Each structure stands twice: as structure tokens, then as C-alpha cells.
Protein backbone atom coordinates (compact mmCIF):
# COMPACT_ATOMS: atom_id res chain seq x y z
CA MET A 1 -6.67 -47.12 3.45
CA HIS A 2 -4.23 -44.34 2.68
CA ILE A 3 -4.74 -42.70 -0.72
CA GLU A 4 -2.24 -40.05 -1.81
CA PHE A 5 -2.43 -37.43 -4.57
CA ARG A 6 0.09 -39.47 -6.59
CA HIS A 7 -2.33 -42.41 -6.56
CA LEU A 8 -5.11 -40.27 -8.00
CA LYS A 9 -2.73 -38.90 -10.62
CA THR A 10 -1.76 -42.46 -11.56
CA ILE A 11 -5.37 -43.56 -12.02
CA ARG A 12 -6.10 -40.53 -14.17
CA ALA A 13 -2.96 -40.91 -16.31
CA ILE A 14 -3.56 -44.62 -17.05
CA HIS A 15 -7.19 -43.92 -17.91
CA GLN A 16 -6.21 -41.06 -20.24
CA THR A 17 -3.37 -42.91 -22.00
CA GLY A 18 -4.79 -46.45 -22.03
CA GLY A 19 -1.65 -48.20 -20.84
CA LEU A 20 1.10 -48.36 -18.23
CA ALA A 21 3.96 -47.52 -20.60
CA ARG A 22 2.43 -44.32 -21.92
CA ALA A 23 1.18 -43.30 -18.48
CA ALA A 24 4.65 -43.79 -17.01
CA GLU A 25 6.10 -41.61 -19.78
CA THR A 26 3.66 -38.77 -19.13
CA MET A 27 4.33 -38.96 -15.39
CA ASN A 28 8.11 -39.09 -15.95
CA ILE A 29 8.62 -42.33 -13.98
CA THR A 30 9.58 -45.86 -15.01
CA GLN A 31 6.94 -48.39 -15.99
CA SER A 32 8.20 -50.68 -13.24
CA ALA A 33 7.73 -47.97 -10.60
CA LEU A 34 4.24 -47.25 -11.90
CA SER A 35 3.29 -50.96 -11.83
CA HIS A 36 4.57 -51.23 -8.27
CA GLN A 37 2.51 -48.16 -7.28
CA VAL A 38 -0.66 -49.62 -8.84
CA LYS A 39 -0.08 -52.99 -7.11
CA GLY A 40 0.39 -51.26 -3.77
CA LEU A 41 -2.80 -49.24 -4.24
CA GLU A 42 -4.79 -52.36 -5.18
CA ASP A 43 -3.46 -54.10 -2.06
CA GLN A 44 -4.78 -51.19 0.01
CA VAL A 45 -8.28 -51.12 -1.48
CA GLY A 46 -8.46 -54.93 -1.67
CA VAL A 47 -9.77 -55.12 -5.27
CA GLU A 48 -8.36 -54.79 -8.78
CA LEU A 49 -8.57 -51.32 -10.25
CA PHE A 50 -8.01 -52.33 -13.88
CA VAL A 51 -9.25 -54.98 -16.25
CA ARG A 52 -5.85 -56.48 -16.97
CA ARG A 53 -6.56 -58.30 -20.24
CA SER A 54 -8.17 -55.31 -21.97
CA LYS A 55 -6.43 -53.17 -24.60
CA PRO A 56 -6.34 -50.31 -24.08
CA LEU A 57 -6.14 -50.85 -20.32
CA LYS A 58 -9.55 -50.14 -18.80
CA LEU A 59 -10.65 -49.25 -15.31
CA SER A 60 -12.70 -51.69 -13.24
CA THR A 61 -15.78 -50.55 -11.35
CA ALA A 62 -13.60 -49.77 -8.33
CA GLY A 63 -11.13 -47.98 -10.57
CA HIS A 64 -13.89 -45.72 -11.90
CA LYS A 65 -14.77 -44.75 -8.34
CA LEU A 66 -11.19 -43.63 -7.79
CA LEU A 67 -11.18 -41.86 -11.16
CA LYS A 68 -14.30 -39.94 -10.15
CA LEU A 69 -12.52 -38.89 -6.96
CA ALA A 70 -9.41 -37.88 -8.93
CA GLU A 71 -11.43 -35.78 -11.37
CA LYS A 72 -13.04 -33.98 -8.45
CA ILE A 73 -9.96 -33.35 -6.32
CA LEU A 74 -7.01 -32.97 -8.70
CA PRO A 75 -8.31 -29.91 -10.62
CA GLU A 76 -8.77 -28.05 -7.32
CA ILE A 77 -5.28 -29.03 -6.16
CA GLU A 78 -3.77 -28.00 -9.51
CA ALA A 79 -5.63 -24.68 -9.41
CA ALA A 80 -4.30 -24.03 -5.91
CA GLU A 81 -0.76 -24.90 -7.05
CA GLU A 82 -1.09 -22.45 -9.93
CA ASP A 83 -2.32 -19.76 -7.54
CA PHE A 84 0.73 -20.30 -5.33
CA ARG A 85 3.04 -20.18 -8.36
CA SER A 86 1.41 -16.93 -9.42
CA LEU A 87 1.85 -15.49 -5.93
CA ARG A 88 5.52 -16.46 -5.90
CA THR A 89 6.13 -14.85 -9.29
CA GLY A 90 4.04 -11.76 -8.45
CA ARG A 91 1.46 -12.38 -11.21
CA SER A 92 -1.48 -12.57 -8.83
CA GLY A 93 -2.41 -11.36 -5.38
CA ARG A 94 -4.89 -9.22 -3.49
CA MET A 95 -5.32 -5.46 -3.58
CA HIS A 96 -8.02 -4.35 -1.17
CA ILE A 97 -8.07 -0.57 -0.95
CA ALA A 98 -9.33 1.72 1.80
CA ILE A 99 -10.02 5.37 1.03
CA GLU A 100 -9.89 8.09 3.65
CA CYS A 101 -10.52 10.65 0.89
CA HIS A 102 -14.19 10.44 -0.14
CA ALA A 103 -13.70 12.33 -3.42
CA CYS A 104 -10.89 9.99 -4.48
CA PHE A 105 -13.42 7.75 -6.21
CA GLU A 106 -13.37 10.33 -9.03
CA TRP A 107 -9.81 9.36 -10.05
CA LEU A 108 -9.50 5.90 -8.47
CA PHE A 109 -11.96 4.22 -10.83
CA PRO A 110 -10.02 5.25 -13.97
CA VAL A 111 -6.84 4.01 -12.26
CA LEU A 112 -8.38 0.62 -11.46
CA GLU A 113 -9.80 0.31 -14.96
CA GLU A 114 -6.27 0.53 -16.38
CA PHE A 115 -4.88 -1.68 -13.62
CA ARG A 116 -7.22 -4.60 -14.27
CA LYS A 117 -6.16 -4.76 -17.92
CA ALA A 118 -2.53 -5.31 -16.95
CA TRP A 119 -3.12 -7.45 -13.82
CA PRO A 120 -6.36 -9.43 -14.37
CA ASP A 121 -5.40 -12.07 -11.79
CA VAL A 122 -5.15 -9.60 -8.90
CA ASP A 123 -8.26 -9.53 -6.72
CA VAL A 124 -9.26 -5.86 -6.36
CA ASP A 125 -11.78 -4.52 -3.86
CA ILE A 126 -12.52 -1.08 -2.44
CA ARG A 127 -13.22 -0.43 1.23
CA PRO A 128 -14.21 3.24 1.57
CA GLY A 129 -12.59 3.49 5.00
CA LEU A 130 -15.13 5.95 6.33
CA ALA A 131 -16.42 3.84 9.23
CA PHE A 132 -13.15 2.45 10.58
CA ASP A 133 -9.52 3.39 11.04
CA ALA A 134 -7.89 2.49 7.74
CA ILE A 135 -4.24 2.41 8.83
CA PRO A 136 -4.83 -0.05 11.71
CA ALA A 137 -6.80 -2.16 9.21
CA LEU A 138 -3.75 -2.09 6.93
CA GLN A 139 -1.54 -3.28 9.78
CA ARG A 140 -4.02 -6.09 10.54
CA GLU A 141 -3.87 -7.11 6.84
CA GLU A 142 -7.59 -6.44 6.40
CA VAL A 143 -6.72 -4.05 3.56
CA ASP A 144 -3.59 -3.76 1.40
CA LEU A 145 -3.46 -0.08 0.44
CA VAL A 146 -4.80 3.09 2.04
CA VAL A 147 -5.23 6.39 0.21
CA SER A 148 -4.61 9.16 2.73
CA SER A 149 -3.52 12.78 2.99
CA ASP A 150 -2.03 12.26 6.47
CA PRO A 151 1.26 10.31 6.39
CA GLU A 152 2.58 8.89 9.65
CA VAL A 153 5.82 7.32 10.82
CA LEU A 154 4.78 3.74 11.57
CA ASN A 155 6.81 0.57 11.86
CA GLY A 156 6.08 -1.75 8.95
CA VAL A 157 4.07 0.82 6.95
CA SER A 158 5.37 2.76 3.94
CA PHE A 159 3.78 5.99 2.67
CA ALA A 160 4.40 6.73 -1.01
CA ALA A 161 3.61 10.22 -2.34
CA LEU A 162 1.09 10.17 -5.19
CA PHE A 163 0.30 13.71 -6.35
CA ASP A 164 -0.48 17.23 -5.18
CA TYR A 165 -3.90 18.77 -5.59
CA GLU A 166 -5.68 22.04 -4.87
CA PRO A 167 -8.89 22.24 -2.82
CA VAL A 168 -11.13 24.61 -4.79
CA PHE A 169 -14.07 26.75 -3.66
CA VAL A 170 -17.19 26.14 -5.77
CA ALA A 171 -20.29 28.35 -5.78
CA SER A 172 -23.18 29.31 -7.98
CA ALA A 173 -22.38 32.04 -10.49
CA ALA A 174 -25.16 34.03 -8.80
CA HIS A 175 -23.58 33.78 -5.35
CA PRO A 176 -22.16 37.02 -3.84
CA LEU A 177 -18.75 35.38 -3.32
CA ALA A 178 -18.54 34.80 -7.07
CA GLN A 179 -17.33 38.39 -7.35
CA LYS A 180 -14.21 37.75 -5.27
CA PRO A 181 -10.91 36.57 -6.84
CA TYR A 182 -10.37 34.20 -3.91
CA VAL A 183 -12.10 33.27 -0.65
CA GLU A 184 -10.83 33.31 2.91
CA ALA A 185 -11.92 31.66 6.13
CA GLU A 186 -14.07 34.59 7.21
CA ASP A 187 -16.12 34.35 3.98
CA PHE A 188 -17.56 31.03 5.16
CA ARG A 189 -18.99 32.36 8.42
CA GLY A 190 -22.47 32.96 7.01
CA GLU A 191 -22.48 30.11 4.50
CA MET A 192 -24.04 26.67 4.28
CA ILE A 193 -21.21 24.31 3.33
CA ILE A 194 -22.15 21.20 1.38
CA THR A 195 -19.72 18.37 2.10
CA TYR A 196 -19.26 14.63 1.87
CA PRO A 197 -20.52 12.66 4.92
CA VAL A 198 -17.18 12.46 6.74
CA GLU A 199 -15.86 13.94 9.95
CA ARG A 200 -14.63 17.54 9.77
CA SER A 201 -10.99 16.67 10.36
CA ARG A 202 -10.94 14.81 7.02
CA LEU A 203 -12.36 17.74 5.04
CA ASP A 204 -9.84 20.20 3.57
CA VAL A 205 -12.07 23.22 4.09
CA PHE A 206 -12.10 22.58 7.84
CA SER A 207 -8.62 21.14 8.44
CA GLN A 208 -6.78 23.68 6.27
CA LEU A 209 -8.92 26.80 6.67
CA LEU A 210 -11.80 27.01 9.12
CA ILE A 211 -10.48 25.13 12.16
CA PRO A 212 -7.15 27.06 12.26
CA ALA A 213 -9.06 30.35 11.85
CA LYS A 214 -11.71 29.32 14.43
CA VAL A 215 -14.50 30.12 11.97
CA GLU A 216 -17.82 28.30 12.20
CA PRO A 217 -20.05 28.28 9.07
CA ARG A 218 -23.78 28.88 9.26
CA GLY A 219 -24.37 25.19 8.68
CA VAL A 220 -23.07 21.96 7.14
CA ARG A 221 -25.11 19.77 4.81
CA GLN A 222 -23.72 16.31 4.11
CA VAL A 223 -24.27 14.71 0.71
CA GLU A 224 -22.97 11.35 -0.51
CA LEU A 225 -22.61 12.01 -4.25
CA THR A 226 -20.45 14.61 -5.99
CA ALA A 227 -23.10 15.15 -8.67
CA VAL A 228 -25.67 16.05 -6.00
CA ILE A 229 -23.23 18.43 -4.29
CA LEU A 230 -22.74 20.25 -7.59
CA LEU A 231 -26.49 20.29 -8.25
CA LEU A 232 -27.16 21.93 -4.89
CA VAL A 233 -24.35 24.44 -5.42
CA ALA A 234 -25.72 25.37 -8.86
CA SER A 235 -29.13 25.91 -7.21
CA ASN A 236 -27.45 28.31 -4.73
CA ARG A 237 -28.35 26.09 -1.76
CA GLY A 238 -24.83 26.36 -0.41
CA VAL A 239 -21.14 26.38 -1.34
CA ALA A 240 -18.55 23.60 -1.46
CA VAL A 241 -14.83 22.98 -1.42
CA LEU A 242 -13.77 20.13 -3.71
CA PRO A 243 -10.46 18.83 -5.07
CA ASP A 244 -9.42 20.23 -8.43
CA TRP A 245 -9.83 16.85 -10.16
CA VAL A 246 -13.52 16.86 -9.17
CA VAL A 247 -14.36 20.31 -10.54
CA ARG A 248 -12.63 19.84 -13.91
CA GLU A 249 -16.00 19.46 -15.71
CA VAL A 250 -17.65 22.52 -14.15
CA ARG A 251 -14.74 24.96 -14.05
CA TYR A 252 -15.90 26.64 -17.24
CA HIS A 253 -19.63 25.99 -16.83
CA SER A 254 -21.70 29.17 -16.73
CA ASP A 255 -23.68 27.97 -13.69
CA TYR A 256 -20.59 27.80 -11.46
CA VAL A 257 -17.57 29.73 -10.34
CA THR A 258 -14.42 28.22 -8.86
CA ARG A 259 -12.01 30.19 -6.72
CA PRO A 260 -8.80 29.41 -4.81
CA LEU A 261 -8.77 29.20 -1.03
CA THR A 262 -6.83 32.26 0.16
CA GLU A 263 -4.83 34.56 -2.06
CA THR A 264 -1.97 32.08 -2.47
CA GLY A 265 -4.13 28.97 -2.71
CA VAL A 266 -3.89 25.76 -0.70
CA THR A 267 -1.98 22.70 -1.86
CA ARG A 268 -2.43 19.21 -0.45
CA ARG A 269 -0.69 15.91 -1.17
CA LEU A 270 -2.16 12.42 -1.33
CA TYR A 271 -0.25 9.32 -0.26
CA ALA A 272 -0.64 5.59 -0.67
CA ALA A 273 0.12 3.59 2.45
CA THR A 274 1.13 -0.06 2.08
CA ARG A 275 2.77 -2.62 4.30
CA SER A 276 6.52 -2.24 3.81
CA GLU A 277 6.89 -5.90 2.84
CA ASP A 278 4.41 -5.41 -0.03
CA ALA A 279 5.75 -2.14 -1.41
CA GLU A 280 8.04 -3.78 -3.97
CA LYS A 281 5.53 -6.28 -5.33
CA PRO A 282 5.23 -5.74 -9.11
CA PHE A 283 1.48 -5.19 -9.13
CA VAL A 284 1.67 -2.80 -6.17
CA SER A 285 4.36 -0.76 -7.92
CA TYR A 286 2.28 -0.69 -11.10
CA LEU A 287 -0.83 0.52 -9.26
CA LEU A 288 1.16 3.31 -7.61
CA GLN A 289 2.55 4.31 -10.99
CA LEU A 290 -0.98 4.63 -12.40
CA ALA A 291 -2.13 6.51 -9.28
CA ARG A 292 0.58 9.10 -9.88
CA LYS A 293 -0.10 9.51 -13.61
CA ILE A 294 -3.88 9.37 -14.21
CA PRO A 295 -5.01 11.94 -11.58
CA VAL A 296 -2.45 14.43 -12.91
CA GLN A 297 -3.93 13.93 -16.39
CA LEU A 298 -7.39 14.67 -14.97
CA GLN A 299 -6.06 17.82 -13.30
CA ARG A 300 -4.63 19.04 -16.61
CA GLU A 301 -8.06 18.63 -18.17
CA ALA A 302 -9.51 20.94 -15.51
């Protein structure tokens, strides 16, 4: 027995409309073609599927078994067809994000909150990217976008600039360095630096200041949450260097001081890496637009 989707659609249409003529009209075929299809299906199963003398036309016991199968299978097929149509038109898709910048959660969540309102059919997930190489994962299609401060020239990968930010020194108002207008690499030599739990090469204070100057701090304490970092800094347990969008709420708090790194300050740029073939997808373009706008708004509030 060979049952096709069109057979299941026929059984469902006749059951819903109560007759061959109306079912043929809804299926956009002739009544003769529909009758021929039903006869061929009945020949396959070896029994009648309809009670012929009933009005409206009713299913036989065997017909109800096929109807049950149709009602189980056809909605799943139709949902899959709609998903494929949405993919073709760019209305749905997948946006799994890896973050090489631990503090980026502070602005990424507001971005995704706005994004989901405009693109509710896009499946969004966040992969922090701290335990694996994010760019190779992007190339393997395990993730779809990587937030990074280190652009590379790679075949099939596009890096789009998002926004510039300033890494800012944060200390307790009672800390001796609070009296300085800015801090330099040498100022960290006797300090406990409180950082996110990532390797040093991904931390601005090390990559942009301490490693080039060959300065080793007194110690490094790793903390997962920004709020806890700030709590420890306020308690004078150490100092931190955080992006300007993170310190916007404490910049004018009496318990803290914020200072630039070096006399001229340090500026960094964040990028979004995507596969080149995905860069022009409407929902990808929209997410990048939000990722350029919302963090800048947060910086202005600082």
C-alpha cells in the first residue's frame, strides 16, 4: 500500500466538506479527478473509505482510520512548509550568539529584548563563548554571530563594526589611586585586580596596558558577576577595569571613582562576526542595527 500526502488531504477535505464536489473545489481539482483518486486509494487499501449513500458523505470505519492518520501527519507537514516559507522570505531563522566579551551581557540583553519584538519567529540563544573558540564554531555553523574585539581576515566570515567603548578604571573612593586624574600601567603593580573569569588576553587591562608594559599586579581575583565586582571594589578589596557601559550607574556614586587608563585614555571597538552568506539576511541586519544603537545610548547615560 502506497499512501501519499495528497491522499490524506483528500480524506480530510471530503470529511470537512461532506461531499466530493465541495472537496474538489477546495482542493482546486475537478470532481472527476478527485473521484478517480478516491477509487484508486480504495483499490489500494481493499475496502471502501466512504459510506456512499449517506448525505453528507461520511467516512467508513477504514476511512476514519485514515482521517486519524491525516489529522496527525498533515499539521506537522504544513507547519514544516510554513517554516520553510518563512526561511525563504527571511521572516524566521536561527540566531545563536557567542560572546568573547564577558561584560557584553550588560548591553546585549537590552538589544535582544528589542529584537524579539520585531522578529518573534527567530530562535535566539546565547553561547557565552568562554570555553571554546567562538570563530571556529561560527565557521562550523554551531553559532551564527560572534561578538568580538579582535577582527580577523577569514574566508567566509564578515566582521561588522558595532561601536567604540572606553575601558575605565574603577576603585573605591577611599583608594589612594582615587586622587589621580588617570592611571597608568605602573599603578597596578601593587594592586589586586578583580576581573571576569576569562583568560588575560581577553581582558582590556592586560591586553592594552599591563602586558605591553610588562607589569604584573599583586594578584588577580576572578568574579563571575559585575554586581559582585563592584561590591568588592566599593569595599576596597581591589580595583577593576570595566567597559564604560558597565560603570554608567556608578560613575557618580560616592562610593566609587572612575578614571581613564593613561592620560589620553584607551579606546576599543567591538565587532559582530557572521558568516558572509548570512550577513544580508533581514533579521541579521536588524540585530546589527540594534547592536550599534542601544549600547551607544547606554554610554551616553554614563
